Structure formats: structure tokens, C-alpha cells
């Protein structure tokens, strides 16, 4: 069985790499508060209970693309194209920004299945954390805190809804059966 591929998408500094690390239980993604840090796609494996998937971490999408940002946008769009589902990360504390609306438009045009993730919601009422993101029209946002690994398991359960269960023994053949990066 081919593992489902989930892409993490959003504007810079919404916590995509932190979530990638929380989901894959690694420190593979670069995490620092520096815009444009994740320029290329990064791949990892994740397990939620018996279910397995491939996670792609991407750079932040911005409205005005020039230089490095253009490369990041191309890499992100490739990741979206490769994915079976998109986790669209937003900052619950910042609310919906013009950059978020830009990303929403790109993700919508991809035609992919999207789960909206209201990150950085620790200490916030879940309703308040996700209220601003209903306007995006992708369904009920999932409030999480990637930094504190709160809500990540239920997020991944929702992200994997509708995909077949992993077969026993898939672990040995992951690397040959999972989607290979395409340049």
C-alpha cells in the first residue's frame, strides 16, 4: 500500500516545522524564528496508532514572490501537488491575515482536501482560537499547539480520515513504497 502524503502549508512562522518535528518525533526540520528558514521541502514519516503517512514540511508562502521566496513558493506548490491532503497552518494568536488569505486561495485552487490548523492555541478557548478561520471555507479548524504537542494526535487522526489502514509489515517497505520526491 502507498502511504498517504500530507503537506504542511502556510505563511512563514506559523509553526510548520515545529509541527513537522512533533508529528515525526524528530528534530529534522529547522526550527527558529527566522523568516524563510525552510526553503525546500522536507520529508518525514509519521505514525498515529497503527496508521502511517509521509509528512512534507514546506517553506512559508508569501504574496510578493521574488528571489528566495519564489523558490519557496515553487517547492511548496510541488509539495501540495504531491500530497493527498493539505494541513493549512495558521497562527491562532494573529487571526486571519492577508497572507493567510493568499495561501488559502493557492490551496483552494489545488483542489486538494484541506484541514485548517489553528496553531499556537495553547491557553486560548478552542472556539476563540479557531473562530476567525471559518471564513476560509475549509470546514472546522483544529486548534493545536505544536510547541506543546497539544491536539496533535487528534489533528493527525483527522488528517488520515478516509485513508486505508497501514498494512502490517509496511515498515520494512516504507522507503520503496512511499511517494518519492519529484523535482
Protein backbone atom coordinates (compact mmCIF):
# COMPACT_ATOMS: atom_id res chain seq x y z
CA UNK A 1 0.00 0.00 0.00
CA UNK A 2 1.19 3.51 -0.77
CA UNK A 3 1.28 5.69 2.32
CA UNK A 4 -0.88 8.85 2.32
CA UNK A 5 1.12 12.05 1.85
CA UNK A 6 0.27 15.09 4.00
CA UNK A 7 1.73 18.54 3.19
CA UNK A 8 2.15 21.25 5.84
CA UNK A 9 1.42 24.61 4.23
CA UNK A 10 1.07 28.20 5.46
CA UNK A 11 2.72 31.59 5.59
CA UNK A 12 6.12 31.94 7.34
CA UNK A 13 6.40 31.47 11.13
CA UNK A 14 3.06 29.75 11.78
CA UNK A 15 4.80 26.65 13.19
CA UNK A 16 5.02 24.27 10.23
CA UNK A 17 8.50 22.96 11.12
CA UNK A 18 7.60 22.68 14.81
CA UNK A 19 4.52 20.63 13.85
CA UNK A 20 6.63 18.52 11.45
CA UNK A 21 9.01 17.72 14.32
CA UNK A 22 6.10 16.93 16.69
CA UNK A 23 4.42 14.62 14.15
CA UNK A 24 7.58 12.81 13.03
CA UNK A 25 9.04 12.79 16.57
CA UNK A 26 12.33 14.11 15.18
CA UNK A 27 14.30 17.30 15.18
CA UNK A 28 14.88 17.07 11.43
CA UNK A 29 13.15 20.29 10.47
CA UNK A 30 14.96 23.53 11.16
CA UNK A 31 13.14 25.48 13.85
CA UNK A 32 13.95 29.10 14.53
CA UNK A 33 12.07 32.34 14.36
CA UNK A 34 13.74 33.41 11.12
CA UNK A 35 11.55 34.11 8.07
CA UNK A 36 12.37 31.92 5.10
CA UNK A 37 14.24 29.26 7.05
CA UNK A 38 12.62 26.21 5.42
CA UNK A 39 13.29 26.79 1.74
CA UNK A 40 12.97 23.28 0.38
CA UNK A 41 10.52 20.52 1.00
CA UNK A 42 11.43 18.17 3.85
CA UNK A 43 10.02 14.66 4.09
CA UNK A 44 9.39 12.54 7.17
CA UNK A 45 7.42 9.51 8.27
CA UNK A 46 4.74 9.62 10.92
CA UNK A 47 2.74 7.02 12.80
CA UNK A 48 -0.58 7.59 14.54
CA UNK A 49 -1.60 4.38 16.26
CA UNK A 50 -1.40 1.76 13.51
CA UNK A 51 -1.65 4.34 10.74
CA UNK A 52 1.37 5.64 8.89
CA UNK A 53 1.90 8.50 6.48
CA UNK A 54 4.50 10.71 4.83
CA UNK A 55 4.67 14.35 6.02
CA UNK A 56 6.10 17.16 3.88
CA UNK A 57 7.30 20.34 5.60
CA UNK A 58 7.38 23.39 3.34
CA UNK A 59 8.66 26.94 3.41
CA UNK A 60 6.26 29.78 4.06
CA UNK A 61 4.14 31.18 1.25
CA UNK A 62 4.17 34.95 0.83
CA UNK A 63 2.26 37.23 -1.52
CA UNK A 64 5.16 39.02 -3.20
CA UNK A 65 7.48 36.36 -4.53
CA UNK A 66 10.98 37.33 -5.52
CA UNK A 67 14.32 35.59 -5.14
CA UNK A 68 14.30 33.01 -2.36
CA UNK A 69 10.56 33.41 -1.87
CA UNK A 70 9.93 32.32 -5.46
CA UNK A 71 11.88 29.11 -4.85
CA UNK A 72 9.99 28.51 -1.61
CA UNK A 73 6.66 29.03 -3.38
CA UNK A 74 7.65 26.60 -6.16
CA UNK A 75 8.74 23.99 -3.60
CA UNK A 76 5.53 24.45 -1.62
CA UNK A 77 3.33 24.11 -4.68
CA UNK A 78 5.22 20.94 -5.64
CA UNK A 79 4.57 19.57 -2.15
CA UNK A 80 0.85 20.40 -2.45
CA UNK A 81 0.78 18.68 -5.86
CA UNK A 82 2.44 15.54 -4.39
CA UNK A 83 0.16 15.42 -1.38
CA UNK A 84 -3.09 13.58 -0.76
CA UNK A 85 -4.17 16.13 1.86
CA UNK A 86 -3.01 19.58 2.97
CA UNK A 87 -2.72 20.77 6.57
CA UNK A 88 -3.11 24.55 6.28
CA UNK A 89 -1.44 26.08 9.35
CA UNK A 90 -2.50 29.43 10.75
CA UNK A 91 -1.49 31.38 13.84
CA UNK A 92 -4.44 31.42 16.26
CA UNK A 93 -3.00 34.44 18.06
CA UNK A 94 -2.63 36.54 14.90
CA UNK A 95 -6.01 35.63 13.39
CA UNK A 96 -6.58 35.60 9.63
CA UNK A 97 -4.05 37.81 7.81
CA UNK A 98 -3.91 38.91 4.14
CA UNK A 99 -1.04 36.42 3.69
CA UNK A 100 -3.28 33.64 5.04
CA UNK A 101 -5.98 34.59 2.51
CA UNK A 102 -3.35 34.40 -0.26
CA UNK A 103 -2.30 30.90 0.88
CA UNK A 104 -5.97 29.85 1.15
CA UNK A 105 -6.51 30.89 -2.46
CA UNK A 106 -3.50 28.85 -3.67
CA UNK A 107 -4.54 25.80 -1.65
CA UNK A 108 -8.15 26.09 -2.85
CA UNK A 109 -7.02 26.18 -6.49
CA UNK A 110 -5.04 22.96 -5.96
CA UNK A 111 -8.30 21.05 -5.46
CA UNK A 112 -6.72 19.07 -2.60
CA UNK A 113 -8.52 18.08 0.58
CA UNK A 114 -7.62 20.66 3.26
CA UNK A 115 -7.65 20.62 7.06
CA UNK A 116 -7.29 24.05 8.69
CA UNK A 117 -4.99 24.02 11.72
CA UNK A 118 -5.19 26.85 14.28
CA UNK A 119 -1.70 26.57 15.78
CA UNK A 120 -0.39 28.41 18.86
CA UNK A 121 -3.78 27.97 20.59
CA UNK A 122 -2.34 26.95 23.96
CA UNK A 123 -4.21 28.77 26.72
CA UNK A 124 -6.93 30.00 24.34
CA UNK A 125 -10.55 28.89 24.33
CA UNK A 126 -10.76 26.43 21.37
CA UNK A 127 -13.80 28.26 19.93
CA UNK A 128 -11.97 31.60 20.04
CA UNK A 129 -8.74 30.07 18.70
CA UNK A 130 -10.46 28.86 15.54
CA UNK A 131 -13.31 31.39 15.10
CA UNK A 132 -11.50 33.67 12.63
CA UNK A 133 -10.62 30.78 10.32
CA UNK A 134 -14.16 29.62 9.49
CA UNK A 135 -14.25 32.37 6.85
CA UNK A 136 -11.72 30.38 4.80
CA UNK A 137 -14.43 27.83 3.97
CA UNK A 138 -12.40 24.66 4.56
CA UNK A 139 -14.54 23.34 7.41
CA UNK A 140 -13.98 23.20 11.15
CA UNK A 141 -10.45 24.38 12.12
CA UNK A 142 -8.48 22.16 14.51
CA UNK A 143 -6.90 24.10 17.40
CA UNK A 144 -3.47 22.77 18.39
CA UNK A 145 -0.19 23.79 19.96
CA UNK A 146 2.70 22.27 18.01
CA UNK A 147 5.21 23.62 20.57
CA UNK A 148 3.40 21.90 23.47
CA UNK A 149 2.28 18.94 21.31
CA UNK A 150 -1.36 19.61 22.30
CA UNK A 151 -4.05 18.35 19.94
CA UNK A 152 -1.51 16.88 17.50
CA UNK A 153 -2.76 13.27 17.77
CA UNK A 154 -6.40 14.25 17.15
CA UNK A 155 -5.24 16.50 14.29
CA UNK A 156 -3.41 13.59 12.66
CA UNK A 157 -6.39 11.28 13.18
CA UNK A 158 -8.49 13.83 11.28
CA UNK A 159 -5.76 14.26 8.63
CA UNK A 160 -5.76 10.50 8.00
CA UNK A 161 -9.56 10.08 7.88
CA UNK A 162 -10.65 8.16 4.80
CA UNK A 163 -7.24 6.66 4.02
CA UNK A 164 -6.80 2.89 4.27
CA UNK A 165 -5.14 1.47 7.38
CA UNK A 166 -1.43 0.67 7.02
CA UNK A 167 -0.72 -2.98 6.32
CA UNK A 168 1.27 -4.95 8.90
CA UNK A 169 4.87 -5.06 7.68
CA UNK A 170 4.64 -1.73 5.81
CA UNK A 171 7.54 -0.51 7.93
CA UNK A 172 10.06 -2.62 6.02
CA UNK A 173 8.94 -1.33 2.65
CA UNK A 174 8.17 2.31 3.52
CA UNK A 175 11.11 3.72 1.62
CA UNK A 176 10.27 1.91 -1.60
CA UNK A 177 6.50 2.38 -1.48
CA UNK A 178 6.16 5.94 -0.22
CA UNK A 179 5.95 8.76 -2.73
CA UNK A 180 9.45 9.67 -3.82
CA UNK A 181 10.27 13.39 -4.08
CA UNK A 182 9.89 14.65 -7.62
CA UNK A 183 11.93 17.64 -8.72
